[in-house]
């Protein structure tokens, strides 16, 4: 294979996985700016040394391995000058056992196996299993708040309510349309919004969320979509938290726990 062909092949492999690396990075930092900065640093490191893609692991595991090395060596979860939700949560994140959130996100949101996570994090499978279990306990015990759900399918809405309530959070209500969502948010300010993309009257969950954030200010949001890569291009303001449809309960639990860390300091409990 020629050098040009090898470069094109590498670009294709990275391109396929980059949206998901962005998703992971944003969930770790709580913000598009910080997450994308780490993703960009990962790409720069790969350009300097491409040998990580020739060690027999999948391109995805190789890419996330490079990211993890940069993330752990930086010692600074959010970028300098970051404000708002991402910065507010760092004191609480610092209290968690190192590597627990990373293991939990890789397992639940990114669907990696314990063996794959072990390679990414440079540890063994037993340690990964321990970290995931510990993360679930630490995060479940750390934060509680008020969750608003924007979802037009009744069965899914009921399922999300049950999952979130079982985690100890209060449900402010369920809205099926953009206008209903805005009205509900005015009635009781949520600490977190869980939103579908396509709503009952063909209105947009993204537009509904933008309306609410425009009125209430910065709030963490989890979007549910069958096409997460379409919202992870880096070309415009984009969500930090995404769940792919169809979702699993553990994915919802993990995303809600992560996002709650980026709620206001008044609703974060140690």
Protein backbone atom coordinates (compact mmCIF):
# COMPACT_ATOMS: atom_id res chain seq x y z
CA UNK A 1 0.00 0.00 0.00
CA UNK A 2 1.35 3.43 -0.96
CA UNK A 3 1.85 6.21 1.57
CA UNK A 4 -1.09 8.11 0.07
CA UNK A 5 -3.35 5.09 0.29
CA UNK A 6 -2.29 4.46 3.89
CA UNK A 7 -3.03 8.08 4.79
CA UNK A 8 -6.45 7.90 3.14
CA UNK A 9 -7.24 4.64 4.94
CA UNK A 10 -6.23 6.14 8.29
CA UNK A 11 -8.33 9.24 7.64
CA UNK A 12 -11.33 7.06 6.84
CA UNK A 13 -10.91 4.98 9.99
CA UNK A 14 -10.61 8.05 12.20
CA UNK A 15 -13.47 9.81 10.44
CA UNK A 16 -15.84 6.96 11.18
CA UNK A 17 -15.09 7.05 14.91
CA UNK A 18 -14.54 10.77 15.47
CA UNK A 19 -18.20 11.66 16.22
CA UNK A 20 -18.22 9.12 19.03
CA UNK A 21 -14.92 10.34 20.42
CA UNK A 22 -16.45 13.83 20.50
CA UNK A 23 -19.48 12.45 22.35
CA UNK A 24 -17.26 10.79 24.95
CA UNK A 25 -15.04 13.84 25.35
CA UNK A 26 -18.00 16.17 25.82
CA UNK A 27 -19.59 13.88 28.38
CA UNK A 28 -16.35 13.90 30.38
CA UNK A 29 -15.99 17.68 30.34
CA UNK A 30 -19.63 18.74 30.15
CA UNK A 31 -19.09 21.16 27.29
CA UNK A 32 -18.58 21.16 23.53
CA UNK A 33 -15.59 23.52 23.70
CA UNK A 34 -13.58 21.49 26.19
CA UNK A 35 -14.52 18.13 24.72
CA UNK A 36 -13.62 19.14 21.19
CA UNK A 37 -10.32 20.58 22.41
CA UNK A 38 -9.33 17.16 23.75
CA UNK A 39 -10.51 15.48 20.55
CA UNK A 40 -8.38 17.88 18.50
CA UNK A 41 -5.35 17.19 20.70
CA UNK A 42 -5.91 13.48 20.08
CA UNK A 43 -5.83 13.99 16.32
CA UNK A 44 -2.65 16.05 16.58
CA UNK A 45 -0.98 13.27 18.58
CA UNK A 46 -1.96 10.68 15.97
CA UNK A 47 -0.51 12.79 13.17
CA UNK A 48 2.82 12.75 15.01
CA UNK A 49 2.76 9.01 15.69
CA UNK A 50 0.46 6.68 13.73
CA UNK A 51 1.91 3.47 15.18
CA UNK A 52 -1.05 3.17 17.57
CA UNK A 53 -3.10 1.95 14.60
CA UNK A 54 -0.75 -0.91 13.84
CA UNK A 55 -0.87 -2.77 17.15
CA UNK A 56 -3.67 -5.18 16.30
CA UNK A 57 -6.60 -3.47 18.05
CA UNK A 58 -9.64 -1.95 16.37
CA UNK A 59 -9.38 1.64 15.08
CA UNK A 60 -11.91 2.71 17.70
CA UNK A 61 -9.95 1.27 20.61
CA UNK A 62 -6.73 2.74 19.20
CA UNK A 63 -8.29 6.21 18.88
CA UNK A 64 -9.76 6.18 22.37
CA UNK A 65 -6.45 4.91 23.77
CA UNK A 66 -4.64 7.97 22.44
CA UNK A 67 -7.36 10.21 23.85
CA UNK A 68 -7.15 8.56 27.26
CA UNK A 69 -3.41 9.09 27.41
CA UNK A 70 -3.84 12.80 26.74
CA UNK A 71 -6.77 13.10 29.14
CA UNK A 72 -5.02 11.45 32.08
CA UNK A 73 -1.73 13.26 31.55
CA UNK A 74 -3.30 16.72 31.30
CA UNK A 75 -4.57 16.82 34.88
CA UNK A 76 -7.09 19.49 33.83
CA UNK A 77 -10.57 18.23 32.90
CA UNK A 78 -11.80 21.56 31.51
CA UNK A 79 -10.03 24.07 29.34
CA UNK A 80 -8.62 27.24 30.80
CA UNK A 81 -11.21 29.97 30.81
CA UNK A 82 -14.14 27.51 30.71
CA UNK A 83 -17.10 28.85 32.66
CA UNK A 84 -20.65 27.89 33.49
CA UNK A 85 -21.76 24.31 34.01
CA UNK A 86 -18.49 22.61 33.10
CA UNK A 87 -16.43 24.64 35.55
CA UNK A 88 -19.01 24.51 38.35
CA UNK A 89 -18.91 20.73 38.53
CA UNK A 90 -15.16 20.17 38.75
CA UNK A 91 -14.94 20.31 42.55
CA UNK A 92 -17.49 17.52 42.73
CA UNK A 93 -15.83 15.46 40.01
CA UNK A 94 -12.52 15.69 41.88
CA UNK A 95 -14.06 13.77 44.77
CA UNK A 96 -14.67 10.69 42.64
CA UNK A 97 -12.21 7.83 42.41
CA UNK A 98 -9.88 8.34 39.41
CA UNK A 99 -10.89 6.59 36.18
CA UNK A 100 -14.36 5.62 37.41
CA UNK A 101 -16.31 8.01 35.17
CA UNK A 102 -14.16 7.14 32.19
CA UNK A 103 -14.80 3.41 32.63
CA UNK A 104 -18.53 3.96 33.12
CA UNK A 105 -18.90 6.15 30.03
CA UNK A 106 -16.86 3.84 27.82
CA UNK A 107 -18.97 0.88 28.94
CA UNK A 108 -22.45 2.39 28.86
CA UNK A 109 -22.46 5.27 26.39
CA UNK A 110 -19.77 3.98 24.00
CA UNK A 111 -20.70 0.29 24.32
CA UNK A 112 -17.14 -0.94 24.81
CA UNK A 113 -16.48 -4.33 26.36
CA UNK A 114 -14.42 -4.61 29.57
CA UNK A 115 -11.53 -5.99 27.51
CA UNK A 116 -11.64 -3.00 25.16
CA UNK A 117 -11.84 -0.56 28.06
CA UNK A 118 -8.90 -2.28 29.72
CA UNK A 119 -6.82 -1.65 26.61
CA UNK A 120 -7.94 1.97 26.34
CA UNK A 121 -7.15 2.66 29.99
CA UNK A 122 -3.99 0.55 30.21
CA UNK A 123 -5.30 -1.75 32.93
CA UNK A 124 -6.92 -5.19 33.23
CA UNK A 125 -10.48 -6.47 32.91
CA UNK A 126 -10.98 -7.03 36.65
CA UNK A 127 -9.98 -3.45 37.41
CA UNK A 128 -12.38 -2.17 34.77
CA UNK A 129 -15.25 -4.14 36.29
CA UNK A 130 -14.39 -2.72 39.70
CA UNK A 131 -14.21 0.84 38.37
CA UNK A 132 -17.60 0.59 36.66
CA UNK A 133 -19.24 -0.73 39.80
CA UNK A 134 -17.61 1.94 41.92
CA UNK A 135 -18.64 4.69 39.49
CA UNK A 136 -22.26 3.62 39.60
CA UNK A 137 -22.26 3.79 43.42
CA UNK A 138 -20.38 7.07 43.71
CA UNK A 139 -22.37 8.97 41.14
CA UNK A 140 -25.74 7.63 42.27
CA UNK A 141 -25.02 8.82 45.81
CA UNK A 142 -23.65 12.23 44.86
CA UNK A 143 -26.32 14.18 43.00
CA UNK A 144 -30.09 14.52 42.93
CA UNK A 145 -32.29 17.04 41.19
CA UNK A 146 -35.33 17.87 39.07
CA UNK A 147 -35.60 16.33 35.60
CA UNK A 148 -37.84 17.50 32.77
CA UNK A 149 -38.66 15.06 29.93
CA UNK A 150 -39.49 16.13 26.37
CA UNK A 151 -40.81 13.03 24.60
CA UNK A 152 -43.88 12.45 22.42
CA UNK A 153 -44.06 8.63 22.62
CA UNK A 154 -46.01 7.70 25.75
CA UNK A 155 -44.31 4.35 26.36
CA UNK A 156 -40.82 5.83 26.06
CA UNK A 157 -41.81 8.77 28.28
CA UNK A 158 -43.11 6.38 30.95
CA UNK A 159 -39.94 4.32 30.74
CA UNK A 160 -37.71 7.37 31.11
CA UNK A 161 -39.76 8.60 34.06
CA UNK A 162 -39.42 5.25 35.80
CA UNK A 163 -35.65 5.11 35.26
CA UNK A 164 -35.04 8.68 36.41
CA UNK A 165 -37.37 8.40 39.43
CA UNK A 166 -35.69 5.14 40.48
CA UNK A 167 -32.39 7.03 40.53
CA UNK A 168 -33.84 9.38 43.15
CA UNK A 169 -34.58 12.37 40.93
CA UNK A 170 -37.85 14.29 40.83
CA UNK A 171 -39.77 14.56 37.55
CA UNK A 172 -41.08 18.05 36.81
CA UNK A 173 -43.28 16.73 33.99
CA UNK A 174 -43.42 15.42 30.43
CA UNK A 175 -43.95 17.60 27.34
CA UNK A 176 -44.82 16.29 23.88
CA UNK A 177 -44.35 19.46 21.82
CA UNK A 178 -42.09 22.49 21.63
CA UNK A 179 -44.68 24.88 23.05
CA UNK A 180 -45.64 22.50 25.86
CA UNK A 181 -41.99 22.07 26.79
CA UNK A 182 -41.44 25.81 27.06
CA UNK A 183 -44.53 26.21 29.21
CA UNK A 184 -43.54 23.34 31.49
CA UNK A 185 -40.06 24.75 32.03
CA UNK A 186 -41.56 28.08 33.07
CA UNK A 187 -43.77 26.32 35.63
CA UNK A 188 -40.90 24.58 37.42
CA UNK A 189 -37.27 25.15 36.54
CA UNK A 190 -35.52 21.80 35.92
CA UNK A 191 -31.95 20.93 36.80
CA UNK A 192 -31.71 18.64 33.77
CA UNK A 193 -33.62 18.21 30.50
CA UNK A 194 -33.98 14.85 28.77
CA UNK A 195 -35.20 15.50 25.21
CA UNK A 196 -36.17 13.60 22.09
CA UNK A 197 -35.31 15.23 18.76
CA UNK A 198 -38.55 14.73 16.78
CA UNK A 199 -41.76 15.72 18.63
CA UNK A 200 -45.45 14.97 18.17
CA UNK A 201 -46.42 17.99 16.07
CA UNK A 202 -43.26 17.73 13.94
CA UNK A 203 -41.64 20.41 16.04
CA UNK A 204 -38.03 20.01 17.11
CA UNK A 205 -36.78 18.99 20.52
CA UNK A 206 -33.64 20.96 19.77
CA UNK A 207 -35.69 24.10 19.17
CA UNK A 208 -37.63 23.46 22.36
CA UNK A 209 -34.43 23.17 24.35
CA UNK A 210 -33.00 26.32 22.77
CA UNK A 211 -36.18 28.20 23.74
CA UNK A 212 -35.86 27.02 27.33
CA UNK A 213 -32.15 27.77 27.63
CA UNK A 214 -32.79 31.20 26.13
CA UNK A 215 -35.21 31.95 28.96
CA UNK A 216 -33.67 30.06 31.90
CA UNK A 217 -29.96 30.16 31.11
CA UNK A 218 -27.45 27.32 31.13
CA UNK A 219 -28.83 23.87 31.96
CA UNK A 220 -27.49 20.39 31.17
CA UNK A 221 -29.40 18.59 28.42
CA UNK A 222 -29.39 14.98 27.25
CA UNK A 223 -30.64 14.44 23.71
CA UNK A 224 -31.99 11.10 22.50
CA UNK A 225 -31.49 10.41 18.80
CA UNK A 226 -31.10 7.54 16.38
CA UNK A 227 -28.41 9.50 14.52
CA UNK A 228 -25.93 10.93 17.06
CA UNK A 229 -23.26 11.49 14.42
CA UNK A 230 -25.48 14.15 12.82
CA UNK A 231 -25.21 16.24 15.98
CA UNK A 232 -21.47 15.74 16.44
CA UNK A 233 -19.89 17.47 13.49
CA UNK A 234 -18.28 20.33 15.39
CA UNK A 235 -19.72 22.83 12.91
CA UNK A 236 -22.16 24.54 15.29
CA UNK A 237 -23.18 24.68 18.97
CA UNK A 238 -23.98 21.09 19.86
CA UNK A 239 -25.07 19.08 22.90
CA UNK A 240 -22.59 17.63 25.35
CA UNK A 241 -24.74 14.59 26.17
CA UNK A 242 -26.26 12.21 23.63
CA UNK A 243 -27.96 8.83 23.94
CA UNK A 244 -28.42 6.70 20.85
CA UNK A 245 -31.78 5.11 20.05
CA UNK A 246 -32.70 2.44 20.86
CA UNK A 247 -31.27 3.07 24.33
CA UNK A 248 -30.64 0.76 27.26
CA UNK A 249 -31.51 1.55 30.88
CA UNK A 250 -27.87 1.61 31.94
CA UNK A 251 -27.13 4.18 29.21
CA UNK A 252 -29.86 6.48 30.51
CA UNK A 253 -28.66 6.07 34.08
CA UNK A 254 -25.07 6.83 33.15
CA UNK A 255 -25.94 9.85 31.02
CA UNK A 256 -28.24 11.30 33.68
CA UNK A 257 -25.61 10.82 36.39
CA UNK A 258 -22.93 12.45 34.25
CA UNK A 259 -25.12 15.35 33.19
CA UNK A 260 -26.32 16.04 36.74
CA UNK A 261 -22.72 16.81 37.68
CA UNK A 262 -22.96 19.76 35.35
CA UNK A 263 -26.09 21.21 36.93
CA UNK A 264 -26.05 24.29 39.15
CA UNK A 265 -23.99 24.19 42.32
CA UNK A 266 -27.13 24.62 44.39
CA UNK A 267 -28.44 21.23 43.30
CA UNK A 268 -25.20 19.31 43.64
CA UNK A 269 -24.96 17.41 46.89
CA UNK A 270 -21.78 15.96 48.34
